Amino acid sequence: MTMNLQLLNVGDNLTLLQYRVKRADLIKYAGASLDFNPIHYSDRIATSVGLPGVIAHGMHTMGAVARVITDHLPASAFISSYSTKFSNPVVVPDDDAGALVSVNATVTAKEANSMFFSIETSCGDQKVLSQTKLTVNFS
């Protein structure tokens, strides 16, 4: 269900977004992005370079997280800036459940035609994105 973002005030939170990342999602993303780095599909390679297992592409995570906002954007609005720091990888197990990512956005400022959001993203008990800021402009 979409909400009217422009009715939100500073300090308001959007509805929590949770989504699962499975190995099949990583394969699809690799094909779309042409990023076939084996750390995104091979446990053997991922662990050989010091990772805890196969990890999601950082840009896959960043793109999926933006849905907390884009799922509610009217056709006349657009994201004018989006930045984050990758603080921990999303480790994707080789099972049917995958990894559960939780996303929460808070309105940090509001102007006549713009809204500013801070976004928190975690997987399990680890923050996976930090210092995430997103700006929406309304026409």
C-alpha atoms as a PDB file:
ATOM      1  CA  MET A   1       0.000   0.000   0.000  1.00  0.00           C
ATOM      2  CA  THR A   2       1.471   3.345  -0.993  1.00  0.00           C
ATOM      3  CA  MET A   3       1.381   6.403   1.209  1.00  0.00           C
ATOM      4  CA  ASN A   4       1.504  10.084   0.379  1.00  0.00           C
ATOM      5  CA  LEU A   5       5.085  10.994   1.278  1.00  0.00           C
ATOM      6  CA  GLN A   6       4.271  14.705   1.264  1.00  0.00           C
ATOM      7  CA  LEU A   7       1.989  14.229   4.269  1.00  0.00           C
ATOM      8  CA  LEU A   8       4.910  13.017   6.392  1.00  0.00           C
ATOM      9  CA  ASN A   9       6.631  15.338   8.857  1.00  0.00           C
ATOM     10  CA  VAL A  10      10.163  15.530  10.206  1.00  0.00           C
ATOM     11  CA  GLY A  11      10.728  12.586  12.538  1.00  0.00           C
ATOM     12  CA  ASP A  12       8.094  10.364  10.901  1.00  0.00           C
ATOM     13  CA  ASN A  13       9.091   6.832   9.937  1.00  0.00           C
ATOM     14  CA  LEU A  14       7.979   4.998   6.831  1.00  0.00           C
ATOM     15  CA  THR A  15       6.560   1.509   7.195  1.00  0.00           C
ATOM     16  CA  LEU A  16       9.343  -0.992   7.807  1.00  0.00           C
ATOM     17  CA  LEU A  17      10.427  -2.735   4.612  1.00  0.00           C
ATOM     18  CA  GLN A  18      11.712  -6.283   4.889  1.00  0.00           C
ATOM     19  CA  TYR A  19      12.840  -8.372   1.952  1.00  0.00           C
ATOM     20  CA  ARG A  20      14.685 -11.619   1.404  1.00  0.00           C
ATOM     21  CA  VAL A  21      17.753 -12.064  -0.749  1.00  0.00           C
ATOM     22  CA  LYS A  22      18.289 -15.556  -2.109  1.00  0.00           C
ATOM     23  CA  ARG A  23      21.069 -16.998  -4.211  1.00  0.00           C
ATOM     24  CA  ALA A  24      18.790 -16.920  -7.265  1.00  0.00           C
ATOM     25  CA  ASP A  25      18.465 -13.134  -6.821  1.00  0.00           C
ATOM     26  CA  LEU A  26      22.253 -12.816  -6.951  1.00  0.00           C
ATOM     27  CA  ILE A  27      22.407 -14.807 -10.176  1.00  0.00           C
ATOM     28  CA  LYS A  28      19.769 -12.581 -11.767  1.00  0.00           C
ATOM     29  CA  TYR A  29      21.546  -9.442 -10.581  1.00  0.00           C
ATOM     30  CA  ALA A  30      24.902 -10.701 -11.863  1.00  0.00           C
ATOM     31  CA  GLY A  31      23.370 -11.152 -15.304  1.00  0.00           C
ATOM     32  CA  ALA A  32      21.770  -7.711 -15.281  1.00  0.00           C
ATOM     33  CA  SER A  33      24.851  -5.894 -13.970  1.00  0.00           C
ATOM     34  CA  LEU A  34      27.496  -8.072 -15.669  1.00  0.00           C
ATOM     35  CA  ASP A  35      29.170  -8.431 -12.260  1.00  0.00           C
ATOM     36  CA  PHE A  36      30.163 -12.092 -12.233  1.00  0.00           C
ATOM     37  CA  ASN A  37      32.627 -11.870  -9.351  1.00  0.00           C
ATOM     38  CA  PRO A  38      32.594 -15.383  -7.797  1.00  0.00           C
ATOM     39  CA  ILE A  39      32.213 -14.002  -4.254  1.00  0.00           C
ATOM     40  CA  HIS A  40      28.557 -13.558  -5.246  1.00  0.00           C
ATOM     41  CA  TYR A  41      27.941 -17.240  -6.057  1.00  0.00           C
ATOM     42  CA  SER A  42      30.777 -19.474  -4.769  1.00  0.00           C
ATOM     43  CA  ASP A  43      31.193 -20.207  -1.052  1.00  0.00           C
ATOM     44  CA  ARG A  44      34.633 -21.667  -1.798  1.00  0.00           C
ATOM     45  CA  ILE A  45      35.888 -18.456  -3.414  1.00  0.00           C
ATOM     46  CA  ALA A  46      34.136 -16.166  -0.928  1.00  0.00           C
ATOM     47  CA  THR A  47      35.641 -17.899   2.098  1.00  0.00           C
ATOM     48  CA  SER A  48      39.072 -18.110   0.426  1.00  0.00           C
ATOM     49  CA  VAL A  49      39.213 -14.300   0.384  1.00  0.00           C
ATOM     50  CA  GLY A  50      38.124 -13.971   4.011  1.00  0.00           C
ATOM     51  CA  LEU A  51      34.382 -13.500   3.609  1.00  0.00           C
ATOM     52  CA  PRO A  52      31.959 -15.501   5.774  1.00  0.00           C
ATOM     53  CA  GLY A  53      30.262 -16.864   2.648  1.00  0.00           C
ATOM     54  CA  VAL A  54      28.577 -15.685  -0.534  1.00  0.00           C
ATOM     55  CA  ILE A  55      27.615 -12.008  -0.284  1.00  0.00           C
ATOM     56  CA  ALA A  56      25.062  -9.904  -2.117  1.00  0.00           C
ATOM     57  CA  HIS A  57      26.321  -7.292  -4.556  1.00  0.00           C
ATOM     58  CA  GLY A  58      26.586  -3.942  -2.784  1.00  0.00           C
ATOM     59  CA  MET A  59      24.669  -2.195  -5.539  1.00  0.00           C
ATOM     60  CA  HIS A  60      21.934  -4.847  -5.351  1.00  0.00           C
ATOM     61  CA  THR A  61      21.534  -4.041  -1.665  1.00  0.00           C
ATOM     62  CA  MET A  62      21.593  -0.297  -2.265  1.00  0.00           C
ATOM     63  CA  GLY A  63      19.014  -0.539  -5.042  1.00  0.00           C
ATOM     64  CA  ALA A  64      16.679  -2.804  -3.090  1.00  0.00           C
ATOM     65  CA  VAL A  65      16.883  -0.551  -0.028  1.00  0.00           C
ATOM     66  CA  ALA A  66      15.721   2.465  -2.047  1.00  0.00           C
ATOM     67  CA  ARG A  67      12.387   0.668  -2.432  1.00  0.00           C
ATOM     68  CA  VAL A  68      11.462   1.880   1.063  1.00  0.00           C
ATOM     69  CA  ILE A  69      11.012   5.242  -0.695  1.00  0.00           C
ATOM     70  CA  THR A  70      10.420   4.397  -4.374  1.00  0.00           C
ATOM     71  CA  ASP A  71       7.461   2.156  -3.546  1.00  0.00           C
ATOM     72  CA  HIS A  72       5.681   5.363  -2.460  1.00  0.00           C
ATOM     73  CA  LEU A  73       6.847   7.868  -5.085  1.00  0.00           C
ATOM     74  CA  PRO A  74       4.204   9.530  -7.228  1.00  0.00           C
ATOM     75  CA  ALA A  75       4.961   9.758 -10.958  1.00  0.00           C
ATOM     76  CA  SER A  76       5.919  13.432 -10.616  1.00  0.00           C
ATOM     77  CA  ALA A  77       8.601  12.831  -7.945  1.00  0.00           C
ATOM     78  CA  PHE A  78      12.184  11.638  -8.288  1.00  0.00           C
ATOM     79  CA  ILE A  79      15.241  10.817  -6.203  1.00  0.00           C
ATOM     80  CA  SER A  80      17.750  13.624  -6.632  1.00  0.00           C
ATOM     81  CA  SER A  81      20.481  12.226  -4.379  1.00  0.00           C
ATOM     82  CA  TYR A  82      21.252   8.939  -2.674  1.00  0.00           C
ATOM     83  CA  SER A  83      24.401   8.009  -0.792  1.00  0.00           C
ATOM     84  CA  THR A  84      25.502   5.329   1.635  1.00  0.00           C
ATOM     85  CA  LYS A  85      28.476   3.638   3.215  1.00  0.00           C
ATOM     86  CA  PHE A  86      28.740  -0.145   2.891  1.00  0.00           C
ATOM     87  CA  SER A  87      29.465  -1.210   6.465  1.00  0.00           C
ATOM     88  CA  ASN A  88      28.892  -4.995   6.378  1.00  0.00           C
ATOM     89  CA  PRO A  89      28.049  -7.446   3.610  1.00  0.00           C
ATOM     90  CA  VAL A  90      24.701  -9.196   3.257  1.00  0.00           C
ATOM     91  CA  VAL A  91      25.711 -12.840   3.611  1.00  0.00           C
ATOM     92  CA  VAL A  92      23.339 -15.016   1.586  1.00  0.00           C
ATOM     93  CA  PRO A  93      23.133 -18.639   2.740  1.00  0.00           C
ATOM     94  CA  ASP A  94      22.605 -21.489   0.302  1.00  0.00           C
ATOM     95  CA  ASP A  95      19.119 -22.377   1.510  1.00  0.00           C
ATOM     96  CA  ASP A  96      15.487 -21.638   0.694  1.00  0.00           C
ATOM     97  CA  ALA A  97      15.172 -18.794   3.223  1.00  0.00           C
ATOM     98  CA  GLY A  98      18.038 -16.577   2.102  1.00  0.00           C
ATOM     99  CA  ALA A  99      18.956 -13.469   4.082  1.00  0.00           C
ATOM    100  CA  LEU A 100      16.334 -11.169   5.610  1.00  0.00           C
ATOM    101  CA  VAL A 101      17.129  -7.473   5.191  1.00  0.00           C
ATOM    102  CA  SER A 102      15.244  -4.858   7.239  1.00  0.00           C
ATOM    103  CA  VAL A 103      14.975  -1.229   6.139  1.00  0.00           C
ATOM    104  CA  ASN A 104      13.600   1.777   8.013  1.00  0.00           C
ATOM    105  CA  ALA A 105      13.453   5.347   6.700  1.00  0.00           C
ATOM    106  CA  THR A 106      12.949   8.514   8.747  1.00  0.00           C
ATOM    107  CA  VAL A 107      12.138  11.999   7.467  1.00  0.00           C
ATOM    108  CA  THR A 108      15.028  14.242   8.561  1.00  0.00           C
ATOM    109  CA  ALA A 109      14.046  17.503   6.831  1.00  0.00           C
ATOM    110  CA  LYS A 110      11.316  18.898   4.638  1.00  0.00           C
ATOM    111  CA  GLU A 111      11.250  21.831   2.241  1.00  0.00           C
ATOM    112  CA  ALA A 112       8.602  23.122  -0.164  1.00  0.00           C
ATOM    113  CA  ASN A 113       9.488  20.661  -2.960  1.00  0.00           C
ATOM    114  CA  SER A 114      11.936  18.294  -1.261  1.00  0.00           C
ATOM    115  CA  MET A 115      12.080  15.700   1.488  1.00  0.00           C
ATOM    116  CA  PHE A 116      15.193  14.303   3.080  1.00  0.00           C
ATOM    117  CA  PHE A 117      15.432  10.813   4.549  1.00  0.00           C
ATOM    118  CA  SER A 118      17.858   8.878   6.701  1.00  0.00           C
ATOM    119  CA  ILE A 119      17.696   5.118   6.105  1.00  0.00           C
ATOM    120  CA  GLU A 120      18.784   2.335   8.451  1.00  0.00           C
ATOM    121  CA  THR A 121      19.465  -1.105   6.972  1.00  0.00           C
ATOM    122  CA  SER A 122      20.306  -4.297   8.802  1.00  0.00           C
ATOM    123  CA  CYS A 123      20.593  -8.003   8.170  1.00  0.00           C
ATOM    124  CA  GLY A 124      20.244 -10.019  11.347  1.00  0.00           C
ATOM    125  CA  ASP A 125      21.950  -8.023  14.072  1.00  0.00           C
ATOM    126  CA  GLN A 126      24.399  -6.274  11.721  1.00  0.00           C
ATOM    127  CA  LYS A 127      24.005  -2.873  10.145  1.00  0.00           C
ATOM    128  CA  VAL A 128      24.805  -3.409   6.450  1.00  0.00           C
ATOM    129  CA  LEU A 129      24.499   0.178   5.214  1.00  0.00           C
ATOM    130  CA  SER A 130      25.487   3.242   7.250  1.00  0.00           C
ATOM    131  CA  GLN A 131      25.075   6.980   6.844  1.00  0.00           C
ATOM    132  CA  THR A 132      22.406   6.415   4.194  1.00  0.00           C
ATOM    133  CA  LYS A 133      20.813   9.637   2.970  1.00  0.00           C
ATOM    134  CA  LEU A 134      18.190  10.036   0.250  1.00  0.00           C
ATOM    135  CA  THR A 135      16.519  13.151  -1.144  1.00  0.00           C
ATOM    136  CA  VAL A 136      13.191  13.211  -2.987  1.00  0.00           C
ATOM    137  CA  ASN A 137      12.113  16.128  -5.150  1.00  0.00           C
ATOM    138  CA  PHE A 138       8.482  16.758  -6.023  1.00  0.00           C
ATOM    139  CA  SER A 139       7.496  18.569  -9.217  1.00  0.00           C
END
